């Protein structure tokens, strides 16, 4: 997915930013599982990357909405290991 394609969808833009900064990763054996790496610097970088994505209409994302979506995705991610691989 290109950056231009995901920039108009907040959920996709945040997912792209988290993955490309390596704040999160996808389990290679369970592609539906997102893993939170636990790198604070990468998470901060993901916020700035998502904030800088520009939608096709030339606007950016509202700070509050962006922070809420990043927090939601990080909270939904498994901590450091895939729970399906561990069990």
N, C-alpha and C. Protein backbone atom coordinates (compact mmCIF):
# COMPACT_ATOMS: atom_id res chain seq x y z
N UNK A 1 0.85 -1.17 0.00
CA UNK A 1 0.00 0.00 0.00
C UNK A 1 0.89 1.23 0.00
N UNK A 2 0.64 2.13 -0.89
CA UNK A 2 1.44 3.34 -0.96
C UNK A 2 1.01 4.32 0.12
N UNK A 3 1.87 5.25 0.42
CA UNK A 3 1.56 6.27 1.42
C UNK A 3 0.38 7.10 0.96
N UNK A 4 0.31 7.40 -0.33
CA UNK A 4 -0.80 8.20 -0.84
C UNK A 4 -2.13 7.50 -0.63
N UNK A 5 -2.15 6.19 -0.78
CA UNK A 5 -3.39 5.43 -0.63
C UNK A 5 -3.84 5.41 0.83
N UNK A 6 -2.92 5.24 1.75
CA UNK A 6 -3.30 5.09 3.15
C UNK A 6 -3.51 6.43 3.85
N UNK A 7 -3.06 7.52 3.28
CA UNK A 7 -3.12 8.82 3.96
C UNK A 7 -4.54 9.31 4.17
N UNK A 8 -5.50 8.84 3.38
CA UNK A 8 -6.88 9.29 3.53
C UNK A 8 -7.66 8.48 4.56
N UNK A 9 -7.11 7.40 5.04
CA UNK A 9 -7.75 6.55 6.02
C UNK A 9 -6.90 6.58 7.29
N UNK A 10 -7.43 7.12 8.36
CA UNK A 10 -6.66 7.29 9.59
C UNK A 10 -6.12 5.96 10.12
N UNK A 11 -6.94 4.95 10.16
CA UNK A 11 -6.51 3.65 10.67
C UNK A 11 -5.34 3.10 9.85
N UNK A 12 -5.43 3.19 8.54
CA UNK A 12 -4.36 2.70 7.68
C UNK A 12 -3.11 3.57 7.79
N UNK A 13 -3.28 4.86 7.91
CA UNK A 13 -2.14 5.76 8.03
C UNK A 13 -1.36 5.48 9.30
N UNK A 14 -2.06 5.27 10.40
CA UNK A 14 -1.39 4.99 11.68
C UNK A 14 -0.73 3.62 11.62
N UNK A 15 -1.41 2.64 11.06
CA UNK A 15 -0.81 1.30 10.95
C UNK A 15 0.47 1.36 10.11
N UNK A 16 0.41 2.09 9.00
CA UNK A 16 1.59 2.25 8.14
C UNK A 16 2.74 2.92 8.91
N UNK A 17 2.43 3.97 9.64
CA UNK A 17 3.46 4.69 10.40
C UNK A 17 4.06 3.80 11.49
N UNK A 18 3.24 3.05 12.19
CA UNK A 18 3.75 2.17 13.24
C UNK A 18 4.62 1.05 12.67
N UNK A 19 4.21 0.49 11.55
CA UNK A 19 4.99 -0.59 10.94
C UNK A 19 6.30 -0.09 10.34
N UNK A 20 6.27 1.04 9.64
CA UNK A 20 7.47 1.52 8.96
C UNK A 20 8.51 2.10 9.91
N UNK A 21 8.10 2.49 11.10
CA UNK A 21 9.07 2.96 12.09
C UNK A 21 9.50 1.83 13.02
N UNK A 22 8.95 0.67 12.80
CA UNK A 22 9.23 -0.54 13.59
C UNK A 22 8.81 -0.40 15.04
N UNK A 23 7.76 0.38 15.26
CA UNK A 23 7.15 0.44 16.59
C UNK A 23 6.30 -0.81 16.80
N UNK A 24 5.78 -1.35 15.70
CA UNK A 24 5.04 -2.61 15.72
C UNK A 24 5.54 -3.49 14.59
N UNK A 25 5.19 -4.75 14.69
CA UNK A 25 5.54 -5.72 13.64
C UNK A 25 4.38 -6.70 13.50
N UNK A 26 4.33 -7.37 12.38
CA UNK A 26 3.32 -8.40 12.15
C UNK A 26 4.00 -9.74 12.35
N UNK A 27 3.33 -10.64 13.07
CA UNK A 27 3.88 -11.97 13.29
C UNK A 27 4.02 -12.67 11.94
N UNK A 28 5.19 -13.23 11.64
CA UNK A 28 5.38 -13.88 10.34
C UNK A 28 4.54 -15.15 10.18
N UNK A 29 4.08 -15.74 11.28
CA UNK A 29 3.30 -16.96 11.22
C UNK A 29 1.81 -16.72 11.38
N UNK A 30 1.45 -15.58 11.94
CA UNK A 30 0.05 -15.22 12.17
C UNK A 30 -0.16 -13.78 11.72
N UNK A 31 -0.41 -13.57 10.43
CA UNK A 31 -0.47 -12.20 9.90
C UNK A 31 -1.56 -11.31 10.49
N UNK A 32 -2.49 -11.89 11.21
CA UNK A 32 -3.55 -11.10 11.84
C UNK A 32 -3.11 -10.54 13.19
N UNK A 33 -1.93 -10.95 13.67
CA UNK A 33 -1.43 -10.52 14.99
C UNK A 33 -0.40 -9.42 14.81
N UNK A 34 -0.66 -8.29 15.45
CA UNK A 34 0.30 -7.18 15.47
C UNK A 34 1.00 -7.21 16.82
N UNK A 35 2.31 -7.03 16.79
CA UNK A 35 3.13 -7.10 17.99
C UNK A 35 3.73 -5.74 18.27
N UNK A 36 3.55 -5.26 19.49
CA UNK A 36 4.16 -3.99 19.92
C UNK A 36 5.59 -4.28 20.36
N UNK A 37 6.54 -3.63 19.74
CA UNK A 37 7.95 -3.88 20.01
C UNK A 37 8.38 -3.31 21.37
N UNK A 38 7.82 -2.19 21.76
CA UNK A 38 8.16 -1.59 23.05
C UNK A 38 9.25 -0.55 22.95
N UNK A 39 9.46 0.00 21.78
CA UNK A 39 10.48 1.03 21.56
C UNK A 39 9.80 2.40 21.60
N UNK A 40 10.00 3.13 22.69
CA UNK A 40 9.36 4.44 22.85
C UNK A 40 9.75 5.42 21.76
N UNK A 41 11.01 5.40 21.36
CA UNK A 41 11.47 6.32 20.30
C UNK A 41 10.78 6.00 18.98
N UNK A 42 10.60 4.73 18.67
CA UNK A 42 9.92 4.35 17.43
C UNK A 42 8.45 4.76 17.47
N UNK A 43 7.83 4.65 18.62
CA UNK A 43 6.43 5.06 18.75
C UNK A 43 6.28 6.57 18.57
N UNK A 44 7.21 7.33 19.13
CA UNK A 44 7.20 8.78 18.94
C UNK A 44 7.42 9.13 17.48
N UNK A 45 8.37 8.45 16.85
CA UNK A 45 8.64 8.68 15.44
C UNK A 45 7.40 8.34 14.60
N UNK A 46 6.69 7.28 14.97
CA UNK A 46 5.46 6.91 14.25
C UNK A 46 4.42 8.01 14.34
N UNK A 47 4.30 8.63 15.51
CA UNK A 47 3.36 9.74 15.66
C UNK A 47 3.71 10.87 14.69
N UNK A 48 4.98 11.25 14.65
CA UNK A 48 5.39 12.34 13.77
C UNK A 48 5.22 11.96 12.30
N UNK A 49 5.50 10.72 11.97
CA UNK A 49 5.32 10.27 10.59
C UNK A 49 3.84 10.32 10.19
N UNK A 50 2.97 9.83 11.06
CA UNK A 50 1.53 9.86 10.77
C UNK A 50 1.02 11.29 10.72
N UNK A 51 1.54 12.15 11.60
CA UNK A 51 1.12 13.55 11.61
C UNK A 51 1.49 14.25 10.31
N UNK A 52 2.61 13.85 9.72
CA UNK A 52 3.08 14.50 8.50
C UNK A 52 2.43 13.97 7.23
N UNK A 53 1.70 12.86 7.33
CA UNK A 53 1.00 12.36 6.15
C UNK A 53 -0.10 13.34 5.77
N UNK A 54 -0.16 13.67 4.53
CA UNK A 54 -1.14 14.64 4.05
C UNK A 54 -2.20 13.91 3.24
N UNK A 55 -3.45 14.18 3.59
CA UNK A 55 -4.57 13.57 2.86
C UNK A 55 -4.65 14.18 1.46
N UNK A 56 -5.38 13.51 0.60
CA UNK A 56 -5.47 13.95 -0.79
C UNK A 56 -6.08 15.35 -0.92
N UNK A 57 -6.84 15.79 0.08
CA UNK A 57 -7.42 17.14 0.01
C UNK A 57 -6.47 18.19 0.57
N UNK A 58 -5.24 17.79 0.95
CA UNK A 58 -4.24 18.73 1.41
C UNK A 58 -4.24 19.00 2.89
N UNK A 59 -5.13 18.36 3.63
CA UNK A 59 -5.18 18.57 5.08
C UNK A 59 -4.46 17.45 5.81
N UNK A 60 -4.24 17.66 7.08
CA UNK A 60 -3.62 16.64 7.92
C UNK A 60 -4.64 16.10 8.91
N UNK A 61 -4.16 15.32 9.86
CA UNK A 61 -5.06 14.74 10.86
C UNK A 61 -5.11 15.61 12.11
N UNK A 62 -6.27 15.68 12.75
CA UNK A 62 -6.46 16.37 14.01
C UNK A 62 -5.62 15.67 15.08
N UNK A 63 -4.90 16.44 15.89
CA UNK A 63 -3.98 15.90 16.89
C UNK A 63 -4.68 14.92 17.84
N UNK A 64 -5.83 15.28 18.35
CA UNK A 64 -6.54 14.45 19.32
C UNK A 64 -6.97 13.13 18.70
N UNK A 65 -7.50 13.19 17.49
CA UNK A 65 -7.95 11.98 16.80
C UNK A 65 -6.76 11.08 16.48
N UNK A 66 -5.67 11.68 16.04
CA UNK A 66 -4.47 10.93 15.71
C UNK A 66 -3.91 10.23 16.95
N UNK A 67 -3.81 10.94 18.06
CA UNK A 67 -3.30 10.35 19.30
C UNK A 67 -4.19 9.21 19.78
N UNK A 68 -5.50 9.38 19.66
CA UNK A 68 -6.42 8.34 20.09
C UNK A 68 -6.26 7.08 19.24
N UNK A 69 -6.07 7.23 17.94
CA UNK A 69 -5.91 6.08 17.06
C UNK A 69 -4.58 5.37 17.30
N UNK A 70 -3.51 6.12 17.52
CA UNK A 70 -2.23 5.51 17.84
C UNK A 70 -2.33 4.75 19.16
N UNK A 71 -2.93 5.35 20.16
CA UNK A 71 -3.09 4.70 21.45
C UNK A 71 -3.92 3.43 21.32
N UNK A 72 -4.97 3.48 20.53
CA UNK A 72 -5.84 2.30 20.34
C UNK A 72 -5.06 1.17 19.69
N UNK A 73 -4.33 1.48 18.61
CA UNK A 73 -3.60 0.43 17.92
C UNK A 73 -2.48 -0.16 18.78
N UNK A 74 -1.81 0.67 19.54
CA UNK A 74 -0.76 0.16 20.43
C UNK A 74 -1.36 -0.69 21.55
N UNK A 75 -2.51 -0.28 22.07
CA UNK A 75 -3.17 -1.05 23.13
C UNK A 75 -3.67 -2.40 22.60
N UNK A 76 -4.10 -2.44 21.34
CA UNK A 76 -4.60 -3.68 20.74
C UNK A 76 -3.48 -4.65 20.37
N UNK A 77 -2.27 -4.16 20.24
CA UNK A 77 -1.15 -5.00 19.83
C UNK A 77 -0.67 -5.86 21.01
N UNK A 78 -0.18 -7.04 20.67
CA UNK A 78 0.40 -7.93 21.68
C UNK A 78 1.74 -7.37 22.13
N UNK A 79 2.07 -7.56 23.39
CA UNK A 79 3.34 -7.05 23.92
C UNK A 79 4.50 -7.99 23.63
N UNK A 80 5.35 -7.59 22.72
CA UNK A 80 6.65 -8.18 22.39
C UNK A 80 6.65 -9.59 21.83
N UNK A 81 5.64 -10.38 22.06
CA UNK A 81 5.59 -11.74 21.49
C UNK A 81 4.18 -12.04 21.01
N UNK A 82 4.11 -12.90 20.01
CA UNK A 82 2.81 -13.31 19.49
C UNK A 82 2.18 -14.30 20.48
N UNK A 83 0.99 -14.02 20.98
CA UNK A 83 0.37 -14.93 21.95
C UNK A 83 0.03 -16.30 21.31
N UNK A 84 -0.18 -16.34 20.02
CA UNK A 84 -0.48 -17.61 19.36
C UNK A 84 0.77 -18.47 19.22
N UNK A 85 1.93 -17.85 19.05
CA UNK A 85 3.19 -18.60 18.93
C UNK A 85 3.63 -19.15 20.29
N UNK A 86 3.31 -18.43 21.36
CA UNK A 86 3.72 -18.83 22.70
C UNK A 86 2.92 -20.04 23.18
N UNK A 87 1.65 -20.08 22.84
CA UNK A 87 0.80 -21.17 23.35
C UNK A 87 0.92 -22.44 22.57
